[in-house]
Amino acid sequence: MAILGGCRGICALKPIISTDDPVIILGGGEFAPDVLDEALTIGRRIVAADGGAARAISAGLMPDAVIGDFDSLDEGTRTAIPLERLHRVDEQETTDFEKCLTRVDCPFSLAVGFTGARIDHALAVMRALVAHPERRCIVLGPDDFAFHAPSRLALDLVPGQRVSLFPMRPVTGRSQGLRWPIDGLDLAPWGRIGTSNEASEARVRLSFDGPGMLVILPRDALGATIAVLRH
């Protein structure tokens, strides 16, 4: 069992993978094949989170690195991957996803296989996004995706498109182009949240006074989001 704390030096870890290209972080959870196919049109370098290595091999992909405590890495998968690509991290302070997130230096990553049947795993992933806002990561699900909002962003969306905002801590901010503006609202996980808002204009502008806000959009808004996170 991982007892999760704060950053405690994790943010300053030496990267295992350092690249100027997007990276796919592949988990061991269920995902539709089209989700991985879409991710592969954006990034080709793959970091497997422990048991996600088996998912990579079964899809005919060789991960650039496998990172985790290896409690879910079966022997057959282990022997199929070159030894120098296996990076065991024994500490139990973080999840395997967080071990990957904090050891990959890239413009942004795409996380696939982390929104399956395990609710606790999915929540731990969302917590990691907020704990490491400097690591830009998009978590892809079957119908939508989530990412931690930077302090300011402008998204080119289709009017009427769903824009859900979920605060993982108390957050205040401002918006332009939302049907229900967030200006002057105190948002918090135990209070007011912002699910099922929608774009009222072709460009949605958001700004936040601190970290902690997750943005959740339908998958057809992925291109617009990546265009923002690349910069």
C-alpha atoms as a PDB file:
ATOM      1  CA  MET A   1       0.000   0.000   0.000  1.00  0.00           C
ATOM      2  CA  ALA A   2       1.347   3.413  -0.953  1.00  0.00           C
ATOM      3  CA  ILE A   3       0.945   6.111   1.716  1.00  0.00           C
ATOM      4  CA  LEU A   4       1.054   9.224  -0.399  1.00  0.00           C
ATOM      5  CA  GLY A   5       2.566  12.470   0.789  1.00  0.00           C
ATOM      6  CA  GLY A   6       3.754  15.675  -0.806  1.00  0.00           C
ATOM      7  CA  CYS A   7       6.617  16.368  -3.189  1.00  0.00           C
ATOM      8  CA  ARG A   8       9.420  15.860  -0.599  1.00  0.00           C
ATOM      9  CA  GLY A   9      12.205  16.175  -3.167  1.00  0.00           C
ATOM     10  CA  ILE A  10      10.441  14.062  -5.793  1.00  0.00           C
ATOM     11  CA  CYS A  11      10.141  17.071  -8.131  1.00  0.00           C
ATOM     12  CA  ALA A  12      13.955  17.361  -8.282  1.00  0.00           C
ATOM     13  CA  LEU A  13      14.611  13.740  -9.282  1.00  0.00           C
ATOM     14  CA  LYS A  14      17.022  13.090 -12.120  1.00  0.00           C
ATOM     15  CA  PRO A  15      14.943  12.153 -15.179  1.00  0.00           C
ATOM     16  CA  ILE A  16      15.103   8.651 -16.601  1.00  0.00           C
ATOM     17  CA  ILE A  17      13.733   9.862 -19.930  1.00  0.00           C
ATOM     18  CA  SER A  18      14.553  13.350 -21.209  1.00  0.00           C
ATOM     19  CA  THR A  19      13.194  14.354 -24.607  1.00  0.00           C
ATOM     20  CA  ASP A  20      11.803  17.279 -26.575  1.00  0.00           C
ATOM     21  CA  ASP A  21       8.952  15.065 -27.807  1.00  0.00           C
ATOM     22  CA  PRO A  22       5.673  14.126 -26.095  1.00  0.00           C
ATOM     23  CA  VAL A  23       5.767  10.898 -24.092  1.00  0.00           C
ATOM     24  CA  ILE A  24       3.046   8.306 -23.589  1.00  0.00           C
ATOM     25  CA  ILE A  25       2.795   6.976 -20.034  1.00  0.00           C
ATOM     26  CA  LEU A  26       1.089   3.601 -20.348  1.00  0.00           C
ATOM     27  CA  GLY A  27      -0.704   2.045 -17.388  1.00  0.00           C
ATOM     28  CA  GLY A  28      -1.992  -1.447 -16.790  1.00  0.00           C
ATOM     29  CA  GLY A  29      -5.679  -0.526 -16.710  1.00  0.00           C
ATOM     30  CA  GLU A  30      -8.260  -1.194 -19.394  1.00  0.00           C
ATOM     31  CA  PHE A  31      -8.471   1.190 -22.326  1.00  0.00           C
ATOM     32  CA  ALA A  32     -10.053   1.143 -25.771  1.00  0.00           C
ATOM     33  CA  PRO A  33      -7.571   0.506 -28.583  1.00  0.00           C
ATOM     34  CA  ASP A  34      -8.533   3.770 -30.277  1.00  0.00           C
ATOM     35  CA  VAL A  35      -7.348   5.708 -27.219  1.00  0.00           C
ATOM     36  CA  LEU A  36      -3.812   4.351 -27.595  1.00  0.00           C
ATOM     37  CA  ASP A  37      -3.983   4.768 -31.364  1.00  0.00           C
ATOM     38  CA  GLU A  38      -4.802   8.461 -30.931  1.00  0.00           C
ATOM     39  CA  ALA A  39      -1.995   8.907 -28.409  1.00  0.00           C
ATOM     40  CA  LEU A  40       0.457   7.312 -30.857  1.00  0.00           C
ATOM     41  CA  THR A  41      -0.372   9.955 -33.464  1.00  0.00           C
ATOM     42  CA  ILE A  42       0.968  12.534 -30.989  1.00  0.00           C
ATOM     43  CA  GLY A  43       3.882  10.794 -29.261  1.00  0.00           C
ATOM     44  CA  ARG A  44       5.942   7.704 -30.036  1.00  0.00           C
ATOM     45  CA  ARG A  45       8.099   7.382 -26.926  1.00  0.00           C
ATOM     46  CA  ILE A  46       6.515   5.111 -24.336  1.00  0.00           C
ATOM     47  CA  VAL A  47       7.132   4.866 -20.620  1.00  0.00           C
ATOM     48  CA  ALA A  48       5.297   1.956 -19.015  1.00  0.00           C
ATOM     49  CA  ALA A  49       4.146   2.194 -15.421  1.00  0.00           C
ATOM     50  CA  ASP A  50       4.959  -1.251 -14.030  1.00  0.00           C
ATOM     51  CA  GLY A  51       2.256  -3.615 -15.362  1.00  0.00           C
ATOM     52  CA  GLY A  52       1.660  -1.244 -18.260  1.00  0.00           C
ATOM     53  CA  ALA A  53       4.687  -2.904 -19.840  1.00  0.00           C
ATOM     54  CA  ALA A  54       2.550  -5.968 -20.612  1.00  0.00           C
ATOM     55  CA  ARG A  55       0.029  -3.704 -22.344  1.00  0.00           C
ATOM     56  CA  ALA A  56       2.813  -2.256 -24.465  1.00  0.00           C
ATOM     57  CA  ILE A  57       4.243  -5.635 -25.464  1.00  0.00           C
ATOM     58  CA  SER A  58       0.793  -7.024 -26.321  1.00  0.00           C
ATOM     59  CA  ALA A  59       0.237  -4.009 -28.567  1.00  0.00           C
ATOM     60  CA  GLY A  60       3.520  -4.704 -30.362  1.00  0.00           C
ATOM     61  CA  LEU A  61       5.286  -1.754 -28.747  1.00  0.00           C
ATOM     62  CA  MET A  62       8.621  -1.771 -26.957  1.00  0.00           C
ATOM     63  CA  PRO A  63       8.653   0.743 -24.083  1.00  0.00           C
ATOM     64  CA  ASP A  64      11.589   3.126 -23.848  1.00  0.00           C
ATOM     65  CA  ALA A  65      11.474   2.621 -20.077  1.00  0.00           C
ATOM     66  CA  VAL A  66       9.511   0.662 -17.488  1.00  0.00           C
ATOM     67  CA  ILE A  67       9.260   2.438 -14.138  1.00  0.00           C
ATOM     68  CA  GLY A  68       7.644   1.174 -10.952  1.00  0.00           C
ATOM     69  CA  ASP A  69       8.015  -1.080  -7.959  1.00  0.00           C
ATOM     70  CA  PHE A  70       7.517  -4.070 -10.302  1.00  0.00           C
ATOM     71  CA  ASP A  71       4.869  -5.745  -8.168  1.00  0.00           C
ATOM     72  CA  SER A  72       2.713  -6.080 -11.315  1.00  0.00           C
ATOM     73  CA  LEU A  73       5.449  -6.905 -13.812  1.00  0.00           C
ATOM     74  CA  ASP A  74       5.189 -10.557 -14.818  1.00  0.00           C
ATOM     75  CA  GLU A  75       8.303 -12.553 -15.599  1.00  0.00           C
ATOM     76  CA  GLY A  76       7.449 -13.065 -19.255  1.00  0.00           C
ATOM     77  CA  THR A  77       7.135  -9.343 -19.854  1.00  0.00           C
ATOM     78  CA  ARG A  78      10.269  -8.631 -17.844  1.00  0.00           C
ATOM     79  CA  THR A  79      12.403 -10.969 -19.988  1.00  0.00           C
ATOM     80  CA  ALA A  80      10.983  -9.456 -23.212  1.00  0.00           C
ATOM     81  CA  ILE A  81      12.349  -6.006 -22.351  1.00  0.00           C
ATOM     82  CA  PRO A  82      16.067  -5.105 -22.403  1.00  0.00           C
ATOM     83  CA  LEU A  83      17.467  -4.916 -18.903  1.00  0.00           C
ATOM     84  CA  GLU A  84      18.695  -1.338 -19.314  1.00  0.00           C
ATOM     85  CA  ARG A  85      15.099  -0.209 -19.874  1.00  0.00           C
ATOM     86  CA  LEU A  86      13.874  -1.580 -16.544  1.00  0.00           C
ATOM     87  CA  HIS A  87      13.964   0.975 -13.734  1.00  0.00           C
ATOM     88  CA  ARG A  88      12.791  -0.416 -10.438  1.00  0.00           C
ATOM     89  CA  VAL A  89      11.796   2.109  -7.763  1.00  0.00           C
ATOM     90  CA  ASP A  90      11.090   0.348  -4.494  1.00  0.00           C
ATOM     91  CA  GLU A  91       9.750   3.242  -2.410  1.00  0.00           C
ATOM     92  CA  GLN A  92       6.058   3.114  -1.498  1.00  0.00           C
ATOM     93  CA  GLU A  93       5.521   6.843  -0.992  1.00  0.00           C
ATOM     94  CA  THR A  94       4.206   7.226  -4.538  1.00  0.00           C
ATOM     95  CA  THR A  95       2.160   5.277  -7.063  1.00  0.00           C
ATOM     96  CA  ASP A  96       3.702   3.824 -10.197  1.00  0.00           C
ATOM     97  CA  PHE A  97       2.078   6.607 -12.247  1.00  0.00           C
ATOM     98  CA  GLU A  98       3.695   9.248 -10.049  1.00  0.00           C
ATOM     99  CA  LYS A  99       7.046   7.469 -10.271  1.00  0.00           C
ATOM    100  CA  CYS A 100       6.805   7.832 -14.049  1.00  0.00           C
ATOM    101  CA  LEU A 101       5.458  11.370 -14.050  1.00  0.00           C
ATOM    102  CA  THR A 102       8.307  12.670 -11.895  1.00  0.00           C
ATOM    103  CA  ARG A 103      11.062  10.871 -13.818  1.00  0.00           C
ATOM    104  CA  VAL A 104      10.118  11.943 -17.335  1.00  0.00           C
ATOM    105  CA  ASP A 105      11.296  15.310 -18.645  1.00  0.00           C
ATOM    106  CA  CYS A 106       9.269  16.242 -21.730  1.00  0.00           C
ATOM    107  CA  PRO A 107       7.031  19.046 -23.037  1.00  0.00           C
ATOM    108  CA  PHE A 108       3.939  17.087 -21.982  1.00  0.00           C
ATOM    109  CA  SER A 109       2.857  13.491 -21.536  1.00  0.00           C
ATOM    110  CA  LEU A 110      -0.261  11.508 -22.427  1.00  0.00           C
ATOM    111  CA  ALA A 111      -1.412   9.003 -19.813  1.00  0.00           C
ATOM    112  CA  VAL A 112      -3.284   5.968 -21.162  1.00  0.00           C
ATOM    113  CA  GLY A 113      -4.626   3.072 -19.095  1.00  0.00           C
ATOM    114  CA  PHE A 114      -5.302   4.952 -15.856  1.00  0.00           C
ATOM    115  CA  THR A 115      -9.082   5.506 -15.967  1.00  0.00           C
ATOM    116  CA  GLY A 116     -10.288   1.902 -15.824  1.00  0.00           C
ATOM    117  CA  ALA A 117     -12.180  -0.072 -13.208  1.00  0.00           C
ATOM    118  CA  ARG A 118     -10.111   0.983 -10.162  1.00  0.00           C
ATOM    119  CA  ILE A 119     -11.587   4.208  -8.803  1.00  0.00           C
ATOM    120  CA  ASP A 120      -8.795   4.526  -6.221  1.00  0.00           C
ATOM    121  CA  HIS A 121      -6.155   4.353  -8.961  1.00  0.00           C
ATOM    122  CA  ALA A 122      -7.925   7.006 -11.032  1.00  0.00           C
ATOM    123  CA  LEU A 123      -8.198   9.325  -8.022  1.00  0.00           C
ATOM    124  CA  ALA A 124      -4.511   8.830  -7.224  1.00  0.00           C
ATOM    125  CA  VAL A 125      -3.646   9.856 -10.793  1.00  0.00           C
ATOM    126  CA  MET A 126      -5.694  13.049 -10.507  1.00  0.00           C
ATOM    127  CA  ARG A 127      -4.028  13.822  -7.184  1.00  0.00           C
ATOM    128  CA  ALA A 128      -0.609  13.402  -8.808  1.00  0.00           C
ATOM    129  CA  LEU A 129      -1.497  15.936 -11.514  1.00  0.00           C
ATOM    130  CA  VAL A 130      -2.168  18.520  -8.813  1.00  0.00           C
ATOM    131  CA  ALA A 131       0.851  17.529  -6.710  1.00  0.00           C
ATOM    132  CA  HIS A 132       3.170  18.106  -9.702  1.00  0.00           C
ATOM    133  CA  PRO A 133       1.731  21.008 -11.710  1.00  0.00           C
ATOM    134  CA  GLU A 134       5.121  21.533 -13.366  1.00  0.00           C
ATOM    135  CA  ARG A 135       4.665  18.173 -15.149  1.00  0.00           C
ATOM    136  CA  ARG A 136       2.177  18.766 -17.941  1.00  0.00           C
ATOM    137  CA  CYS A 137       0.156  15.614 -18.457  1.00  0.00           C
ATOM    138  CA  ILE A 138      -3.120  14.783 -20.202  1.00  0.00           C
ATOM    139  CA  VAL A 139      -4.982  11.753 -18.822  1.00  0.00           C
ATOM    140  CA  LEU A 140      -6.922  10.135 -21.659  1.00  0.00           C
ATOM    141  CA  GLY A 141     -10.167   8.266 -21.046  1.00  0.00           C
ATOM    142  CA  PRO A 142     -12.597   6.620 -23.473  1.00  0.00           C
ATOM    143  CA  ASP A 143     -14.754   9.732 -23.940  1.00  0.00           C
ATOM    144  CA  ASP A 144     -12.853  12.640 -22.408  1.00  0.00           C
ATOM    145  CA  PHE A 145      -9.549  13.701 -20.909  1.00  0.00           C
ATOM    146  CA  ALA A 146      -8.296  15.645 -17.908  1.00  0.00           C
ATOM    147  CA  PHE A 147      -5.306  17.858 -17.198  1.00  0.00           C
ATOM    148  CA  HIS A 148      -4.131  20.236 -14.510  1.00  0.00           C
ATOM    149  CA  ALA A 149      -4.820  23.807 -15.572  1.00  0.00           C
ATOM    150  CA  PRO A 150      -1.892  26.206 -15.865  1.00  0.00           C
ATOM    151  CA  SER A 151      -2.417  29.654 -14.363  1.00  0.00           C
ATOM    152  CA  ARG A 152      -3.697  30.942 -17.712  1.00  0.00           C
ATOM    153  CA  LEU A 153      -4.930  29.214 -20.838  1.00  0.00           C
ATOM    154  CA  ALA A 154      -6.988  29.969 -23.921  1.00  0.00           C
ATOM    155  CA  LEU A 155      -8.739  27.111 -25.707  1.00  0.00           C
ATOM    156  CA  ASP A 156     -10.302  27.171 -29.165  1.00  0.00           C
ATOM    157  CA  LEU A 157     -13.488  25.154 -28.693  1.00  0.00           C
ATOM    158  CA  VAL A 158     -16.868  24.678 -30.347  1.00  0.00           C
ATOM    159  CA  PRO A 159     -19.705  26.676 -28.752  1.00  0.00           C
ATOM    160  CA  GLY A 160     -21.785  24.252 -26.733  1.00  0.00           C
ATOM    161  CA  GLN A 161     -18.826  21.950 -26.075  1.00  0.00           C
ATOM    162  CA  ARG A 162     -18.616  20.654 -22.512  1.00  0.00           C
ATOM    163  CA  VAL A 163     -16.020  22.279 -20.260  1.00  0.00           C
ATOM    164  CA  SER A 164     -15.892  20.727 -16.791  1.00  0.00           C
ATOM    165  CA  LEU A 165     -13.784  22.260 -14.041  1.00  0.00           C
ATOM    166  CA  PHE A 166     -13.064  20.197 -10.952  1.00  0.00           C
ATOM    167  CA  PRO A 167     -11.131  21.808  -8.088  1.00  0.00           C
ATOM    168  CA  MET A 168      -8.891  19.456  -6.126  1.00  0.00           C
ATOM    169  CA  ARG A 169      -8.250  22.201  -3.538  1.00  0.00           C
ATOM    170  CA  PRO A 170      -9.739  25.667  -2.931  1.00  0.00           C
ATOM    171  CA  VAL A 171      -9.289  27.665  -6.141  1.00  0.00           C
ATOM    172  CA  THR A 172     -10.548  31.001  -7.437  1.00  0.00           C
ATOM    173  CA  GLY A 173     -10.317  32.284 -10.980  1.00  0.00           C
ATOM    174  CA  ARG A 174     -11.851  34.085 -13.912  1.00  0.00           C
ATOM    175  CA  SER A 175     -13.284  33.017 -17.247  1.00  0.00           C
ATOM    176  CA  GLN A 176     -14.339  34.374 -20.621  1.00  0.00           C
ATOM    177  CA  GLY A 177     -16.406  32.354 -23.051  1.00  0.00           C
ATOM    178  CA  LEU A 178     -18.084  30.037 -20.534  1.00  0.00           C
ATOM    179  CA  ARG A 179     -21.845  29.801 -20.311  1.00  0.00           C
ATOM    180  CA  TRP A 180     -21.562  30.060 -16.520  1.00  0.00           C
ATOM    181  CA  PRO A 181     -18.598  32.314 -15.610  1.00  0.00           C
ATOM    182  CA  ILE A 182     -16.483  31.432 -12.589  1.00  0.00           C
ATOM    183  CA  ASP A 183     -15.526  35.005 -11.665  1.00  0.00           C
ATOM    184  CA  GLY A 184     -15.998  35.692  -7.964  1.00  0.00           C
ATOM    185  CA  LEU A 185     -16.687  32.043  -7.095  1.00  0.00           C
ATOM    186  CA  ASP A 186     -14.869  30.086  -4.405  1.00  0.00           C
ATOM    187  CA  LEU A 187     -14.388  26.622  -5.866  1.00  0.00           C
ATOM    188  CA  ALA A 188     -13.453  23.636  -3.694  1.00  0.00           C
ATOM    189  CA  PRO A 189     -13.905  19.842  -3.774  1.00  0.00           C
ATOM    190  CA  TRP A 190     -16.209  20.009  -0.726  1.00  0.00           C
ATOM    191  CA  GLY A 191     -18.065  23.082  -1.984  1.00  0.00           C
ATOM    192  CA  ARG A 192     -18.869  24.579  -5.357  1.00  0.00           C
ATOM    193  CA  ILE A 193     -17.490  22.704  -8.348  1.00  0.00           C
ATOM    194  CA  GLY A 194     -17.736  23.376 -12.057  1.00  0.00           C
ATOM    195  CA  THR A 195     -18.816  20.199 -13.825  1.00  0.00           C
ATOM    196  CA  SER A 196     -20.873  20.335 -17.035  1.00  0.00           C
ATOM    197  CA  ASN A 197     -20.170  23.945 -17.861  1.00  0.00           C
ATOM    198  CA  GLU A 198     -19.882  24.651 -21.580  1.00  0.00           C
ATOM    199  CA  ALA A 199     -18.274  26.953 -24.100  1.00  0.00           C
ATOM    200  CA  SER A 200     -20.441  29.883 -25.128  1.00  0.00           C
ATOM    201  CA  GLU A 201     -17.850  31.279 -27.537  1.00  0.00           C
ATOM    202  CA  ALA A 202     -15.265  29.843 -29.920  1.00  0.00           C
ATOM    203  CA  ARG A 203     -12.437  30.822 -27.562  1.00  0.00           C
ATOM    204  CA  VAL A 204     -12.545  30.067 -23.842  1.00  0.00           C
ATOM    205  CA  ARG A 205     -10.091  31.916 -21.617  1.00  0.00           C
ATOM    206  CA  LEU A 206      -9.413  30.720 -18.077  1.00  0.00           C
ATOM    207  CA  SER A 207      -7.128  32.035 -15.359  1.00  0.00           C
ATOM    208  CA  PHE A 208      -6.624  30.760 -11.830  1.00  0.00           C
ATOM    209  CA  ASP A 209      -5.103  32.320  -8.735  1.00  0.00           C
ATOM    210  CA  GLY A 210      -3.290  29.131  -7.735  1.00  0.00           C
ATOM    211  CA  PRO A 211      -2.836  25.457  -8.583  1.00  0.00           C
ATOM    212  CA  GLY A 212      -5.408  22.742  -8.054  1.00  0.00           C
ATOM    213  CA  MET A 213      -7.909  22.991 -10.912  1.00  0.00           C
ATOM    214  CA  LEU A 214      -8.528  20.066 -13.239  1.00  0.00           C
ATOM    215  CA  VAL A 215      -9.993  20.751 -16.665  1.00  0.00           C
ATOM    216  CA  ILE A 216     -12.016  17.920 -18.203  1.00  0.00           C
ATOM    217  CA  LEU A 217     -12.941  18.110 -21.893  1.00  0.00           C
ATOM    218  CA  PRO A 218     -14.389  15.753 -24.521  1.00  0.00           C
ATOM    219  CA  ARG A 219     -11.790  13.942 -26.588  1.00  0.00           C
ATOM    220  CA  ASP A 220     -12.556  15.934 -29.734  1.00  0.00           C
ATOM    221  CA  ALA A 221     -11.002  18.941 -27.965  1.00  0.00           C
ATOM    222  CA  LEU A 222      -7.652  17.156 -27.584  1.00  0.00           C
ATOM    223  CA  GLY A 223      -5.974  18.907 -30.515  1.00  0.00           C
ATOM    224  CA  ALA A 224      -6.894  22.352 -29.213  1.00  0.00           C
ATOM    225  CA  THR A 225      -5.549  21.477 -25.771  1.00  0.00           C
ATOM    226  CA  ILE A 226      -2.259  20.101 -27.059  1.00  0.00           C
ATOM    227  CA  ALA A 227      -1.748  23.263 -29.092  1.00  0.00           C
ATOM    228  CA  VAL A 228      -1.880  25.195 -25.787  1.00  0.00           C
ATOM    229  CA  LEU A 229       0.235  22.827 -23.697  1.00  0.00           C
ATOM    230  CA  ARG A 230       3.033  22.699 -26.282  1.00  0.00           C
ATOM    231  CA  HIS A 231       3.898  26.322 -25.421  1.00  0.00           C
END
